[in-house]
Amino acid sequence: MPTVKALVAEVRTNRGMRREAYSMSLYVSIILLSALSAFDDSHPPSRGDVLLLELGTTIGLVLAHGFASWVSTRIIGDANEEIDPGDLLLVQLGGAVIVAGLAILAVIIAPTSVELQAARLTVAFVIAAQVFLESRSTNSAARAAAYGLLALVAGVIIASIKAFLVH
């Protein structure tokens, strides 16, 4: 079992691992944005409800993704894989934990009256920030910012469509 430090180093140098971490964190961000729309802004949630929603949604996603990853690895096999399936799962789950951790931190820090907005803004910011930061390595700051903004808009639209279809 590799250490966290070894996995972080691998993510920095292995584009496939980095892509998986970003993919999972973007996925969790979109689902959290959608789930946070379950609360009506005119009737704010009770103390602790946003935190419970974030925890429940993230834990549910992590369990579902972990199960799907484990089953698909067993069905398809991993004999020719360059990336260890266990490491891959840890990196994906790390992406989920980072998003959820930031959203939970925002709720803990924010006053109860604005915790829902703080959670939504934090999750939206994570989408824009990670796209900006990754794009910045190969693009100008202006182009990376444009990519981050486009990813933010697309993520909010997707989350809104999902929330509309569910509610």
Protein backbone atom coordinates (compact mmCIF):
# COMPACT_ATOMS: atom_id res chain seq x y z
CA MET A 1 0.00 0.00 0.00
CA PRO A 2 1.63 3.26 -1.09
CA THR A 3 1.88 6.22 1.23
CA VAL A 4 -0.15 9.37 0.69
CA LYS A 5 3.08 11.17 -0.22
CA ALA A 6 3.86 8.57 -2.91
CA LEU A 7 0.34 8.82 -4.36
CA VAL A 8 0.51 12.63 -4.44
CA ALA A 9 3.82 12.40 -6.28
CA GLU A 10 2.29 9.91 -8.72
CA VAL A 11 -0.67 12.19 -9.37
CA ARG A 12 1.68 15.08 -10.13
CA THR A 13 3.62 13.08 -12.70
CA ASN A 14 1.03 10.64 -14.09
CA ARG A 15 -1.57 12.35 -16.28
CA GLY A 16 -3.91 9.36 -16.14
CA MET A 17 -3.98 9.41 -12.34
CA ARG A 18 -4.43 13.20 -12.31
CA ARG A 19 -7.29 12.90 -14.80
CA GLU A 20 -9.02 10.35 -12.56
CA ALA A 21 -8.66 12.57 -9.48
CA TYR A 22 -10.04 15.58 -11.37
CA SER A 23 -12.80 13.53 -12.92
CA MET A 24 -14.00 12.33 -9.54
CA SER A 25 -13.80 15.76 -7.92
CA LEU A 26 -15.72 17.34 -10.80
CA TYR A 27 -18.33 14.59 -10.60
CA VAL A 28 -18.75 15.04 -6.84
CA SER A 29 -18.91 18.82 -7.27
CA ILE A 30 -21.73 18.59 -9.80
CA ILE A 31 -23.69 16.09 -7.72
CA LEU A 32 -23.22 18.17 -4.56
CA LEU A 33 -24.42 21.30 -6.38
CA SER A 34 -27.46 19.39 -7.53
CA ALA A 35 -28.12 17.94 -4.08
CA LEU A 36 -27.78 21.36 -2.44
CA SER A 37 -30.61 22.59 -4.64
CA ALA A 38 -32.93 20.30 -2.66
CA PHE A 39 -33.15 23.09 -0.10
CA ASP A 40 -35.48 25.98 -0.82
CA ASP A 41 -33.74 29.35 -0.45
CA SER A 42 -36.91 30.93 0.95
CA HIS A 43 -37.03 28.29 3.72
CA PRO A 44 -33.42 27.74 4.80
CA PRO A 45 -32.42 24.33 6.14
CA SER A 46 -32.15 23.70 9.87
CA ARG A 47 -28.78 23.75 11.58
CA GLY A 48 -26.78 20.71 10.50
CA ASP A 49 -28.98 19.78 7.52
CA VAL A 50 -26.52 21.07 4.90
CA LEU A 51 -23.66 19.26 6.60
CA LEU A 52 -25.63 16.02 6.71
CA LEU A 53 -26.59 16.37 3.05
CA GLU A 54 -22.95 16.92 2.05
CA LEU A 55 -21.75 13.96 4.11
CA GLY A 56 -24.54 11.64 2.95
CA THR A 57 -24.16 12.57 -0.70
CA THR A 58 -20.38 12.20 -0.69
CA ILE A 59 -20.37 8.94 1.27
CA GLY A 60 -23.05 7.53 -1.04
CA LEU A 61 -21.07 8.52 -4.13
CA VAL A 62 -17.83 7.12 -2.72
CA LEU A 63 -19.50 3.81 -1.86
CA ALA A 64 -21.21 3.56 -5.25
CA HIS A 65 -18.05 4.48 -7.13
CA GLY A 66 -15.87 2.16 -5.05
CA PHE A 67 -18.24 -0.73 -5.67
CA ALA A 68 -18.47 0.00 -9.41
CA SER A 69 -14.70 0.30 -9.69
CA TRP A 70 -14.13 -2.93 -7.76
CA VAL A 71 -16.67 -4.89 -9.83
CA SER A 72 -15.47 -3.51 -13.17
CA THR A 73 -11.86 -4.35 -12.28
CA ARG A 74 -12.91 -7.93 -11.49
CA ILE A 75 -15.00 -8.26 -14.67
CA ILE A 76 -12.51 -6.75 -17.10
CA GLY A 77 -9.36 -7.74 -15.26
CA ASP A 78 -6.26 -5.69 -14.69
CA ALA A 79 -3.43 -7.84 -16.04
CA ASN A 80 -2.30 -5.23 -18.56
CA GLU A 81 -3.03 -2.16 -16.46
CA GLU A 82 -0.24 0.35 -16.01
CA ILE A 83 -1.97 1.77 -12.94
CA ASP A 84 -2.71 -0.33 -9.87
CA PRO A 85 -6.53 -0.46 -9.43
CA GLY A 86 -6.17 0.13 -5.69
CA ASP A 87 -4.06 3.23 -6.25
CA LEU A 88 -6.51 4.44 -8.86
CA LEU A 89 -9.41 4.05 -6.45
CA LEU A 90 -7.52 5.89 -3.71
CA VAL A 91 -6.77 8.78 -6.05
CA GLN A 92 -10.40 8.99 -7.16
CA LEU A 93 -11.61 8.90 -3.58
CA GLY A 94 -9.05 11.56 -2.70
CA GLY A 95 -10.63 13.85 -5.30
CA ALA A 96 -14.03 13.27 -3.69
CA VAL A 97 -12.74 13.88 -0.18
CA ILE A 98 -11.11 17.17 -1.14
CA VAL A 99 -14.33 18.59 -2.60
CA ALA A 100 -16.46 17.35 0.27
CA GLY A 101 -13.92 18.53 2.83
CA LEU A 102 -13.89 22.05 1.40
CA ALA A 103 -17.69 22.17 1.23
CA ILE A 104 -18.00 20.88 4.79
CA LEU A 105 -15.40 23.39 6.00
CA ALA A 106 -17.39 26.20 4.36
CA VAL A 107 -20.53 25.09 6.23
CA ILE A 108 -18.68 24.85 9.55
CA ILE A 109 -17.13 28.30 9.16
CA ALA A 110 -20.16 30.13 7.73
CA PRO A 111 -22.96 31.44 9.92
CA THR A 112 -26.09 29.27 9.79
CA SER A 113 -27.94 31.98 7.87
CA VAL A 114 -25.58 31.66 4.88
CA GLU A 115 -24.24 28.11 5.13
CA LEU A 116 -26.26 26.90 2.13
CA GLN A 117 -24.92 29.69 -0.06
CA ALA A 118 -21.40 29.12 1.29
CA ALA A 119 -21.60 25.42 0.41
CA ARG A 120 -22.87 26.15 -3.10
CA LEU A 121 -20.24 28.82 -3.75
CA THR A 122 -17.44 26.63 -2.42
CA VAL A 123 -18.39 23.69 -4.62
CA ALA A 124 -18.77 25.96 -7.66
CA PHE A 125 -15.40 27.56 -6.88
CA VAL A 126 -13.75 24.12 -6.74
CA ILE A 127 -14.92 23.42 -10.31
CA ALA A 128 -13.55 26.71 -11.64
CA ALA A 129 -10.35 26.58 -9.59
CA GLN A 130 -9.26 23.08 -10.53
CA VAL A 131 -9.89 23.67 -14.23
CA PHE A 132 -8.03 26.98 -14.03
CA LEU A 133 -5.07 25.47 -12.16
CA GLU A 134 -4.69 22.48 -14.47
CA SER A 135 -5.19 24.62 -17.59
CA ARG A 136 -2.66 27.16 -16.35
CA SER A 137 0.15 24.64 -16.79
CA THR A 138 -0.26 24.78 -20.59
CA ASN A 139 -2.17 28.02 -21.26
CA SER A 140 -2.02 31.71 -20.52
CA ALA A 141 -3.73 32.96 -17.38
CA ALA A 142 -6.52 34.52 -19.46
CA ARG A 143 -7.20 31.33 -21.39
CA ALA A 144 -7.04 29.21 -18.22
CA ALA A 145 -9.50 31.61 -16.54
CA ALA A 146 -11.82 31.32 -19.52
CA TYR A 147 -11.67 27.53 -19.31
CA GLY A 148 -12.36 27.69 -15.58
CA LEU A 149 -15.35 29.98 -16.16
CA LEU A 150 -16.71 27.75 -18.92
CA ALA A 151 -16.34 24.67 -16.72
CA LEU A 152 -18.13 26.50 -13.91
CA VAL A 153 -21.04 27.47 -16.18
CA ALA A 154 -21.25 23.96 -17.65
CA GLY A 155 -21.13 22.37 -14.19
CA VAL A 156 -23.90 24.62 -12.88
CA ILE A 157 -26.04 23.92 -15.94
CA ILE A 158 -25.56 20.16 -15.58
CA ALA A 159 -26.31 20.30 -11.85
CA SER A 160 -29.42 22.39 -12.55
CA ILE A 161 -30.68 19.96 -15.18
CA LYS A 162 -30.09 17.05 -12.80
CA ALA A 163 -31.90 18.85 -9.97
CA PHE A 164 -34.81 19.74 -12.28
CA LEU A 165 -35.18 16.14 -13.43
CA VAL A 166 -35.09 14.80 -9.87
CA HIS A 167 -37.39 17.34 -8.26
